[in-house]
Amino acid sequence: MNFIQCASRYVMRKKTRCTLLILLLTTVFTLILTVVSIAAHANTTIEQMENNFNREFVINAYNAPGALTLDRIAEISDRDDIAAYRSISNAVPVEFSSDNGTPLSVKTDGDSCFVSPGFEHAGTLVSNVTSDSDALFSEGTLTILSGRHITESDKGKILIHKELADKNDLHLGDTIQMHFSQVITRDMESMGYDTSHMDTHMIQGEIIGIFGSRDNEQNTGLHLSHQLYENYCYIDLETYSSVFNPKSQRFFCQAAFSVASSSDLAVVTNEIKNLEWPAGQPAGIASDLDSFAGMIGSLASLSNLLKIILMVIIVVCITLLYFLLSHGVKQRKREIGIMMSFGLSKSHILMQHIAEVLIAAVIAMVIALPISGGIVHGTGEHIVSAAVDQNDGSELLATEETHERPRKTQIENKGASISPDAAEIMLLFGFLLIPVSVMTAEFSVLRKEPKENLKSIS
């Protein structure tokens, strides 16, 4: 009878002892598979974040009107490490009145409409190089119904919503007035705007276009009245810039730049920060990496912690396994002595004992795989969900205080599974460390003569 058959018979005969060994090994393998797979999934999520974000940074120059001029935007976009750019439309609250100073009626009704004190006749003043380059027009949310768009050469020209026009009997060619009350300027200052150079006196604009808005069924929840599309007013960039900084060229308060795939996002943003700015240093340059930094750091810390836990698990489990095997060997001294007396070689006896433990290990692996798979799947989904939730919380990176809608970075959640590395470590532990542990535990017994083992029992 070969050692494999002997091992199989022993496993069938000593059910209690083998069950205890299988339970120990199942626990060990489940811990190894779970810890390594979760760590691998955390690393995969980090890689997905770093590879899939938009590689975009946004310059915020609310505090320095005139810093982010068209020339400066062109200078930055011409760099070899910049792949593309987009100017984020300027958008600030403003009060409307007719050409004779009578306040205009704006949309303030509706259950989801909230009117801030001092904003009863206010809307949102928007500007871009041309009005058709604004995201809401380019994506089709807003559409010109009559008249034309604002061009780059226009000055003192505006577009208004059809509802604002109908409410106040306004038509193409009419003039409306806009001004910034103390309530509005204080509100702008609280958002980080520098109003020290701002001309808060009345500005006028000739209506050259009337637009309508597409109904947005997803646009639910509470909204400030002046941020409703019906209260939007588009003005040329020349007039807008002269209001905030009469000495400046045309400028934007925000612009977004995409970094080339071959360039380091952090290095590029740092170089942009160190440029000399014509009207003061912008308040900040925020990148997609900033949005993910907290989650990447948390996942990296989790991965490192799990690596430490894995080492502790392996050391503890090897120690427990050694003592369990050593205890089993002491109880089998008489059996070993008799087997050696019958002429069985030490190598045969050792191979039989190794085979016994390996049979238990294979059974434990079969049990541990589905158990660990379920744990890893649930925990992995939780990790990715947490990452997505954090991303959702930082989506206003490029759009805070504007109507521009963010381009959300997607993190695909397919659920975690047992990683190949975890399976390899389990197999390494099962088919290398376990035999080594058996040989170490039995060394003191097998090196003795049969009579010595039999004598120690008596």
Protein backbone atom coordinates (compact mmCIF):
# COMPACT_ATOMS: atom_id res chain seq x y z
CA MET A 1 0.00 0.00 0.00
CA ASN A 2 1.51 3.32 -1.03
CA PHE A 3 1.69 6.38 1.21
CA ILE A 4 -1.28 8.11 -0.51
CA GLN A 5 -3.59 5.16 0.20
CA CYS A 6 -2.34 5.04 3.79
CA ALA A 7 -2.97 8.75 4.17
CA SER A 8 -6.50 8.45 2.78
CA ARG A 9 -7.36 5.63 5.19
CA TYR A 10 -5.99 7.63 8.12
CA VAL A 11 -8.11 10.68 7.17
CA MET A 12 -11.23 8.51 7.01
CA ARG A 13 -10.45 6.80 10.31
CA LYS A 14 -9.42 9.84 12.39
CA LYS A 15 -12.42 12.05 11.58
CA THR A 16 -12.26 14.27 14.67
CA ARG A 17 -8.59 15.11 14.35
CA CYS A 18 -8.85 15.68 10.60
CA THR A 19 -11.98 17.82 10.99
CA LEU A 20 -10.11 20.06 13.42
CA LEU A 21 -7.24 20.36 10.94
CA ILE A 22 -9.63 21.12 8.06
CA LEU A 23 -11.36 23.83 10.11
CA LEU A 24 -8.01 25.43 10.95
CA LEU A 25 -6.84 25.34 7.35
CA THR A 26 -10.21 26.61 6.06
CA THR A 27 -9.90 29.59 8.39
CA VAL A 28 -6.33 30.20 7.26
CA PHE A 29 -7.15 29.97 3.55
CA THR A 30 -10.27 32.13 3.90
CA LEU A 31 -8.28 34.84 5.65
CA ILE A 32 -5.50 34.70 3.07
CA LEU A 33 -7.87 34.79 0.09
CA THR A 34 -9.98 37.58 1.58
CA VAL A 35 -7.17 39.84 2.74
CA VAL A 36 -5.08 39.52 -0.42
CA SER A 37 -8.09 39.88 -2.75
CA ILE A 38 -9.39 42.99 -0.98
CA ALA A 39 -5.92 44.53 -1.07
CA ALA A 40 -5.66 43.69 -4.79
CA HIS A 41 -9.11 45.18 -5.44
CA ALA A 42 -8.14 48.35 -3.57
CA ASN A 43 -5.03 48.66 -5.77
CA THR A 44 -7.12 48.03 -8.89
CA THR A 45 -9.53 50.77 -7.84
CA ILE A 46 -6.62 53.17 -7.32
CA GLU A 47 -5.27 52.37 -10.79
CA GLN A 48 -8.71 52.84 -12.29
CA MET A 49 -9.06 56.24 -10.63
CA GLU A 50 -5.61 57.38 -11.75
CA ASN A 51 -6.07 56.12 -15.31
CA ASN A 52 -9.71 57.06 -15.88
CA PHE A 53 -10.03 60.57 -14.51
CA ASN A 54 -10.22 63.41 -17.02
CA ARG A 55 -6.61 64.53 -16.35
CA GLU A 56 -8.03 68.02 -16.07
CA PHE A 57 -7.26 70.99 -13.85
CA VAL A 58 -9.34 74.14 -13.36
CA ILE A 59 -7.92 77.59 -12.72
CA ASN A 60 -10.11 79.55 -10.30
CA ALA A 61 -9.57 83.30 -10.68
CA TYR A 62 -12.69 84.67 -8.95
CA ASN A 63 -10.41 86.56 -6.62
CA ALA A 64 -8.35 88.12 -9.42
CA PRO A 65 -10.62 89.50 -12.19
CA GLY A 66 -8.41 90.09 -15.19
CA ALA A 67 -5.86 87.41 -14.38
CA LEU A 68 -7.27 84.73 -16.66
CA THR A 69 -7.34 86.72 -19.88
CA LEU A 70 -7.87 85.23 -23.33
CA ASP A 71 -4.16 85.72 -24.01
CA ARG A 72 -3.20 83.83 -20.87
CA ILE A 73 -5.64 81.02 -21.72
CA ALA A 74 -4.11 80.81 -25.21
CA GLU A 75 -0.60 80.81 -23.72
CA ILE A 76 -1.42 77.89 -21.43
CA SER A 77 -3.30 75.93 -24.09
CA ASP A 78 -0.33 76.24 -26.50
CA ARG A 79 1.95 74.31 -24.13
CA ASP A 80 3.08 70.88 -25.34
CA ASP A 81 1.81 69.24 -22.15
CA ILE A 82 -1.74 70.62 -22.60
CA ALA A 83 -4.00 68.53 -24.82
CA ALA A 84 -7.15 70.67 -24.79
CA TYR A 85 -8.95 73.41 -22.90
CA ARG A 86 -12.45 74.74 -22.34
CA SER A 87 -13.46 78.16 -21.08
CA ILE A 88 -16.07 77.89 -18.33
CA SER A 89 -18.65 80.61 -18.86
CA ASN A 90 -18.67 83.48 -16.38
CA ALA A 91 -21.87 83.51 -14.35
CA VAL A 92 -22.88 85.95 -11.59
CA PRO A 93 -26.19 87.17 -10.10
CA VAL A 94 -27.52 90.53 -11.30
CA GLU A 95 -30.70 92.62 -10.90
CA PHE A 96 -32.83 93.39 -13.96
CA SER A 97 -34.81 96.52 -14.70
CA SER A 98 -36.34 98.14 -17.75
CA ASP A 99 -34.76 101.07 -19.55
CA ASN A 100 -36.74 103.45 -17.32
CA GLY A 101 -35.53 101.75 -14.12
CA THR A 102 -38.64 99.68 -13.35
CA PRO A 103 -37.63 96.29 -11.85
CA LEU A 104 -38.36 93.38 -14.19
CA SER A 105 -40.58 90.48 -13.17
CA VAL A 106 -38.59 87.25 -13.05
CA LYS A 107 -39.67 83.65 -12.50
CA THR A 108 -40.09 83.14 -8.75
CA ASP A 109 -43.02 80.74 -8.62
CA GLY A 110 -43.03 76.97 -8.24
CA ASP A 111 -42.71 74.63 -5.29
CA SER A 112 -38.99 74.05 -5.95
CA CYS A 113 -38.14 77.75 -6.36
CA PHE A 114 -36.58 79.66 -3.46
CA VAL A 115 -36.20 83.45 -3.62
CA SER A 116 -33.29 84.79 -1.56
CA PRO A 117 -33.94 88.13 0.15
CA GLY A 118 -32.76 90.89 -2.16
CA PHE A 119 -32.97 88.65 -5.25
CA GLU A 120 -36.67 89.25 -6.04
CA HIS A 121 -35.79 90.81 -9.40
CA ALA A 122 -32.50 89.05 -10.01
CA GLY A 123 -31.25 86.57 -12.55
CA THR A 124 -27.91 85.16 -13.65
CA LEU A 125 -25.64 87.12 -15.98
CA VAL A 126 -23.59 84.81 -18.20
CA SER A 127 -20.82 85.56 -20.67
CA ASN A 128 -18.47 83.69 -22.97
CA VAL A 129 -16.44 84.63 -26.04
CA THR A 130 -19.58 83.87 -28.04
CA SER A 131 -22.94 82.81 -26.64
CA ASP A 132 -23.11 79.71 -28.83
CA SER A 133 -19.86 78.48 -27.24
CA ASP A 134 -21.63 78.26 -23.88
CA ALA A 135 -22.21 74.64 -22.84
CA LEU A 136 -25.98 75.04 -22.42
CA PHE A 137 -26.34 76.21 -26.02
CA SER A 138 -23.83 73.78 -27.52
CA GLU A 139 -25.50 70.78 -25.88
CA GLY A 140 -29.00 71.92 -26.86
CA THR A 141 -30.43 72.76 -23.43
CA LEU A 142 -30.91 76.36 -24.58
CA THR A 143 -31.89 77.31 -28.15
CA ILE A 144 -32.19 80.65 -29.95
CA LEU A 145 -35.85 81.25 -30.87
CA SER A 146 -35.49 84.65 -32.49
CA GLY A 147 -32.66 87.02 -33.24
CA ARG A 148 -29.05 85.85 -33.20
CA HIS A 149 -26.19 84.77 -30.96
CA ILE A 150 -23.68 87.13 -29.38
CA THR A 151 -20.46 87.27 -31.40
CA GLU A 152 -16.90 88.08 -30.38
CA SER A 153 -17.12 91.62 -31.74
CA ASP A 154 -20.37 92.57 -29.96
CA LYS A 155 -20.47 95.11 -27.16
CA GLY A 156 -23.46 95.95 -24.98
CA LYS A 157 -25.53 93.10 -26.50
CA ILE A 158 -27.63 90.58 -24.56
CA LEU A 159 -29.81 87.49 -24.93
CA ILE A 160 -32.78 86.87 -22.65
CA HIS A 161 -35.15 83.97 -22.07
CA LYS A 162 -38.55 83.97 -23.79
CA GLU A 163 -40.39 83.82 -20.45
CA LEU A 164 -38.51 86.86 -19.15
CA ALA A 165 -39.36 88.66 -22.39
CA ASP A 166 -43.04 87.71 -22.24
CA LYS A 167 -43.40 88.63 -18.55
CA ASN A 168 -42.08 92.13 -19.22
CA ASP A 169 -43.27 92.70 -22.80
CA LEU A 170 -39.72 92.87 -24.14
CA HIS A 171 -38.74 92.44 -27.79
CA LEU A 172 -35.67 92.38 -30.00
CA GLY A 173 -34.03 95.80 -30.05
CA ASP A 174 -35.28 96.77 -26.56
CA THR A 175 -32.81 97.79 -23.88
CA ILE A 176 -32.73 96.55 -20.29
CA GLN A 177 -30.64 97.66 -17.37
CA MET A 178 -28.58 95.49 -15.01
CA HIS A 179 -26.95 96.45 -11.76
CA PHE A 180 -25.34 94.86 -8.72
CA SER A 181 -26.99 95.73 -5.44
CA GLN A 182 -25.20 95.59 -2.10
CA VAL A 183 -26.94 92.31 -1.32
CA ILE A 184 -25.63 90.77 -4.55
CA THR A 185 -22.08 92.11 -4.17
CA ARG A 186 -21.92 90.79 -0.58
CA ASP A 187 -23.12 87.44 -1.87
CA MET A 188 -20.41 87.46 -4.55
CA GLU A 189 -17.75 88.36 -2.00
CA SER A 190 -18.83 85.41 0.15
CA MET A 191 -18.20 83.19 -2.89
CA GLY A 192 -14.63 84.52 -3.25
CA TYR A 193 -15.12 87.25 -5.85
CA ASP A 194 -12.93 90.34 -5.69
CA THR A 195 -15.36 93.25 -6.17
CA SER A 196 -12.89 96.01 -5.29
CA HIS A 197 -12.45 97.06 -8.94
CA MET A 198 -16.05 96.38 -9.88
CA ASP A 199 -18.29 99.02 -11.45
CA THR A 200 -21.54 98.44 -9.58
CA HIS A 201 -23.34 101.16 -11.50
CA MET A 202 -26.04 100.35 -14.00
CA ILE A 203 -25.05 98.68 -17.25
CA GLN A 204 -27.28 98.50 -20.29
CA GLY A 205 -27.70 95.86 -22.93
CA GLU A 206 -29.59 95.70 -26.20
CA ILE A 207 -31.62 92.53 -26.74
CA ILE A 208 -30.38 90.86 -29.93
CA GLY A 209 -31.70 87.37 -29.26
CA ILE A 210 -34.40 85.50 -27.35
CA PHE A 211 -33.86 81.89 -26.35
CA GLY A 212 -35.92 79.05 -24.93
CA SER A 213 -34.97 76.18 -22.66
CA ARG A 214 -35.58 72.48 -22.99
CA ASP A 215 -37.49 70.91 -20.10
CA ASN A 216 -35.16 68.92 -17.90
CA GLU A 217 -37.04 66.19 -16.05
CA GLN A 218 -33.94 65.42 -13.99
CA ASN A 219 -33.74 69.00 -12.77
CA THR A 220 -35.51 68.29 -9.49
CA GLY A 221 -35.07 69.64 -5.99
CA LEU A 222 -34.89 73.15 -4.54
CA HIS A 223 -33.43 75.88 -6.77
CA LEU A 224 -32.61 79.53 -6.19
CA SER A 225 -34.82 81.69 -8.39
CA HIS A 226 -31.96 83.61 -10.00
CA GLN A 227 -30.35 80.34 -11.12
CA LEU A 228 -33.35 79.19 -13.16
CA TYR A 229 -32.82 79.14 -16.92
CA GLU A 230 -35.85 81.43 -17.31
CA ASN A 231 -33.89 84.14 -15.44
CA TYR A 232 -30.67 83.78 -17.43
CA CYS A 233 -29.26 86.69 -19.41
CA TYR A 234 -26.26 86.36 -21.75
CA ILE A 235 -23.99 89.36 -22.32
CA ASP A 236 -20.90 89.88 -24.46
CA LEU A 237 -17.53 89.22 -22.84
CA GLU A 238 -16.27 92.75 -23.50
CA THR A 239 -19.04 94.34 -21.40
CA TYR A 240 -18.81 91.71 -18.68
CA SER A 241 -15.05 92.18 -18.30
CA SER A 242 -15.30 95.97 -18.19
CA VAL A 243 -17.78 95.75 -15.29
CA PHE A 244 -15.45 93.68 -13.09
CA ASN A 245 -12.14 95.23 -14.10
CA PRO A 246 -12.32 98.24 -16.47
CA LYS A 247 -8.54 98.16 -16.98
CA SER A 248 -8.40 94.51 -17.97
CA GLN A 249 -8.68 92.74 -21.28
CA ARG A 250 -11.52 90.27 -21.71
CA PHE A 251 -11.18 87.51 -19.13
CA PHE A 252 -12.75 84.47 -17.53
CA CYS A 253 -13.09 83.58 -13.88
CA GLN A 254 -12.53 79.88 -14.62
CA ALA A 255 -10.98 77.77 -17.36
CA ALA A 256 -10.32 74.03 -17.53
CA PHE A 257 -7.29 72.43 -19.18
CA SER A 258 -6.69 68.78 -20.06
CA VAL A 259 -3.15 67.50 -19.60
CA ALA A 260 -1.57 65.30 -22.27
CA SER A 261 -1.41 61.60 -21.42
CA SER A 262 2.39 61.65 -21.57
CA SER A 263 2.66 64.43 -18.97
CA ASP A 264 2.48 64.39 -15.19
CA LEU A 265 -0.68 66.18 -14.02
CA ALA A 266 0.84 67.26 -10.70
CA VAL A 267 3.98 68.68 -12.37
CA VAL A 268 1.98 70.62 -14.97
CA THR A 269 -0.39 72.18 -12.41
CA ASN A 270 2.56 73.22 -10.25
CA GLU A 271 4.22 74.95 -13.23
CA ILE A 272 0.98 76.79 -14.02
CA LYS A 273 0.73 77.97 -10.42
CA ASN A 274 4.22 79.49 -10.65
CA LEU A 275 3.43 81.62 -13.72
CA GLU A 276 3.35 85.41 -13.37
CA TRP A 277 -0.27 86.52 -13.51
CA PRO A 278 -1.26 89.98 -14.80
CA ALA A 279 -3.90 90.81 -12.18
CA GLY A 280 -2.87 88.82 -9.15
CA GLN A 281 -2.43 85.15 -8.34
CA PRO A 282 -5.56 83.02 -8.91
CA ALA A 283 -7.12 81.65 -5.74
CA GLY A 284 -6.28 78.10 -6.69
CA ILE A 285 -5.74 75.46 -9.31
CA ALA A 286 -7.79 72.36 -8.63
CA SER A 287 -7.25 69.13 -10.53
CA ASP A 288 -9.10 65.88 -10.91
CA LEU A 289 -6.30 64.35 -8.86
CA ASP A 290 -7.31 66.59 -5.94
CA SER A 291 -10.83 65.16 -6.11
CA PHE A 292 -9.52 61.63 -5.80
CA ALA A 293 -6.59 62.29 -3.47
CA GLY A 294 -8.51 61.48 -0.30
CA MET A 295 -9.93 58.24 -1.63
CA ILE A 296 -6.64 57.17 -3.21
CA GLY A 297 -4.88 57.82 0.09
CA SER A 298 -7.49 55.85 2.01
CA LEU A 299 -7.33 52.91 -0.36
CA ALA A 300 -3.52 52.95 -0.35
CA SER A 301 -3.53 52.94 3.45
CA LEU A 302 -6.05 50.09 3.42
CA SER A 303 -3.86 48.11 1.02
CA ASN A 304 -0.76 48.64 3.18
CA LEU A 305 -2.66 47.70 6.33
CA LEU A 306 -3.93 44.51 4.71
CA LYS A 307 -0.39 43.56 3.71
CA ILE A 308 0.67 43.85 7.34
CA ILE A 309 -2.38 41.87 8.44
CA LEU A 310 -1.51 39.19 5.87
CA MET A 311 2.00 38.80 7.28
CA VAL A 312 0.60 38.56 10.81
CA ILE A 313 -1.97 35.97 9.67
CA ILE A 314 0.68 33.83 7.99
CA VAL A 315 3.03 33.95 11.00
CA VAL A 316 0.23 33.17 13.48
CA CYS A 317 -1.22 30.41 11.32
CA ILE A 318 2.15 28.76 10.73
CA THR A 319 2.76 28.84 14.47
CA LEU A 320 -0.66 27.31 15.26
CA LEU A 321 -0.23 24.73 12.54
CA TYR A 322 3.21 23.79 13.84
CA PHE A 323 1.94 23.28 17.38
CA LEU A 324 -1.07 21.32 16.15
CA LEU A 325 1.13 19.05 14.05
CA SER A 326 3.68 18.72 16.83
CA HIS A 327 0.95 17.67 19.24
CA GLY A 328 -0.31 15.15 16.69
CA VAL A 329 3.17 13.72 16.17
CA LYS A 330 3.67 13.23 19.91
CA GLN A 331 0.41 11.30 20.07
CA ARG A 332 1.55 9.15 17.14
CA LYS A 333 5.00 8.22 18.45
CA ARG A 334 3.93 4.61 19.11
CA GLU A 335 2.41 4.38 15.63
CA ILE A 336 5.57 5.79 14.06
CA GLY A 337 7.74 3.41 16.07
CA ILE A 338 5.68 0.38 14.99
CA MET A 339 5.73 1.47 11.33
CA MET A 340 9.51 1.87 11.47
CA SER A 341 9.81 -1.57 13.18
CA PHE A 342 7.92 -3.13 10.23
CA GLY A 343 10.56 -1.76 7.92
CA LEU A 344 8.77 1.32 6.55
CA SER A 345 11.27 3.99 5.65
CA LYS A 346 11.30 7.37 7.30
CA SER A 347 10.62 8.99 3.95
CA HIS A 348 7.51 6.81 3.47
CA ILE A 349 6.19 7.74 6.88
CA LEU A 350 6.96 11.42 6.30
CA MET A 351 5.29 11.40 2.87
CA GLN A 352 2.21 9.74 4.35
CA HIS A 353 1.89 12.41 7.04
CA ILE A 354 2.44 15.16 4.49
CA ALA A 355 -0.21 13.59 2.25
CA GLU A 356 -2.65 13.47 5.18
CA VAL A 357 -2.27 17.20 5.76
CA LEU A 358 -2.42 17.97 2.03
CA ILE A 359 -5.69 16.03 1.71
CA ALA A 360 -7.08 18.16 4.52
CA ALA A 361 -5.64 21.27 2.81
CA VAL A 362 -7.34 20.48 -0.51
CA ILE A 363 -10.69 20.00 1.26
CA ALA A 364 -10.12 23.28 3.12
CA MET A 365 -9.33 25.11 -0.15
CA VAL A 366 -12.54 23.87 -1.74
CA ILE A 367 -14.51 25.16 1.25
CA ALA A 368 -12.59 28.45 1.57
CA LEU A 369 -12.95 29.55 -2.05
CA PRO A 370 -16.74 30.17 -2.07
CA ILE A 371 -16.72 31.57 1.47
CA SER A 372 -13.96 34.05 0.68
CA GLY A 373 -15.48 34.80 -2.73
CA GLY A 374 -18.70 35.97 -1.11
CA ILE A 375 -16.87 38.11 1.44
CA VAL A 376 -14.60 39.68 -1.17
CA HIS A 377 -17.48 40.39 -3.56
CA GLY A 378 -19.48 42.23 -0.92
CA THR A 379 -16.50 44.10 0.52
CA GLY A 380 -15.12 44.95 -2.92
CA GLU A 381 -18.43 46.48 -4.01
CA HIS A 382 -18.46 48.51 -0.82
CA ILE A 383 -14.97 49.85 -1.56
CA VAL A 384 -15.87 50.91 -5.10
CA SER A 385 -19.18 52.40 -3.95
CA ALA A 386 -17.30 54.47 -1.38
CA ALA A 387 -14.95 55.69 -4.11
CA VAL A 388 -17.84 56.67 -6.38
CA ASP A 389 -19.67 58.39 -3.51
CA GLN A 390 -16.61 60.47 -2.71
CA ASN A 391 -16.27 61.40 -6.37
CA ASP A 392 -19.91 62.48 -6.41
CA GLY A 393 -19.23 64.71 -3.42
CA SER A 394 -16.46 66.52 -5.25
CA GLU A 395 -18.11 66.91 -8.63
CA LEU A 396 -18.26 70.70 -8.32
CA LEU A 397 -14.52 70.86 -8.97
CA ALA A 398 -14.91 72.66 -12.28
CA THR A 399 -18.41 74.03 -11.87
CA GLU A 400 -18.85 75.59 -8.46
CA GLU A 401 -20.92 78.75 -8.63
CA THR A 402 -21.52 78.30 -12.40
CA HIS A 403 -24.17 76.64 -14.49
CA GLU A 404 -21.62 74.40 -16.20
CA ARG A 405 -22.37 70.75 -15.58
CA PRO A 406 -19.47 68.51 -14.58
CA ARG A 407 -18.09 65.68 -16.62
CA LYS A 408 -18.20 62.94 -14.05
CA THR A 409 -15.41 60.43 -14.01
CA GLN A 410 -16.89 56.97 -14.11
CA ILE A 411 -15.53 54.18 -11.94
CA GLU A 412 -16.84 50.93 -13.27
CA ASN A 413 -18.10 48.64 -10.54
CA LYS A 414 -18.14 45.05 -11.68
CA GLY A 415 -17.75 43.61 -8.21
CA ALA A 416 -14.60 42.15 -6.73
CA SER A 417 -13.55 38.52 -6.97
CA ILE A 418 -10.77 36.27 -5.76
CA SER A 419 -7.54 37.65 -7.18
CA PRO A 420 -4.96 35.42 -8.89
CA ASP A 421 -2.36 36.62 -6.38
CA ALA A 422 -4.55 35.41 -3.51
CA ALA A 423 -4.96 31.99 -5.11
CA GLU A 424 -1.19 31.77 -5.67
CA ILE A 425 -0.43 32.65 -2.06
CA MET A 426 -2.99 30.07 -0.87
CA LEU A 427 -1.44 27.37 -3.06
CA LEU A 428 2.05 28.38 -1.93
CA PHE A 429 0.96 28.17 1.69
CA GLY A 430 -0.87 24.90 1.15
CA PHE A 431 1.68 23.00 -0.92
CA LEU A 432 4.97 24.45 0.30
CA LEU A 433 4.70 25.85 3.81
CA ILE A 434 2.47 23.05 5.09
CA PRO A 435 4.88 20.24 4.02
CA VAL A 436 7.74 22.26 5.53
CA SER A 437 5.73 22.57 8.77
CA VAL A 438 5.09 18.81 8.80
CA MET A 439 8.76 18.01 8.27
CA THR A 440 9.77 20.44 11.00
CA ALA A 441 7.22 19.03 13.45
CA GLU A 442 8.24 15.41 12.80
CA PHE A 443 11.98 15.92 12.65
CA SER A 444 12.53 15.18 16.34
CA VAL A 445 10.55 11.93 16.13
CA LEU A 446 11.74 10.53 12.82
CA ARG A 447 15.40 11.01 13.66
CA LYS A 448 15.03 8.53 16.55
CA GLU A 449 15.26 4.76 16.28
CA PRO A 450 12.02 2.72 16.51
CA LYS A 451 12.91 1.43 19.98
CA GLU A 452 13.38 4.98 21.27
CA ASN A 453 9.89 5.98 20.10
CA LEU A 454 8.32 2.83 21.57
CA LYS A 455 10.23 3.28 24.80
CA SER A 456 9.11 6.89 25.18
CA ILE A 457 5.48 5.75 25.03
CA SER A 458 5.93 3.05 27.65
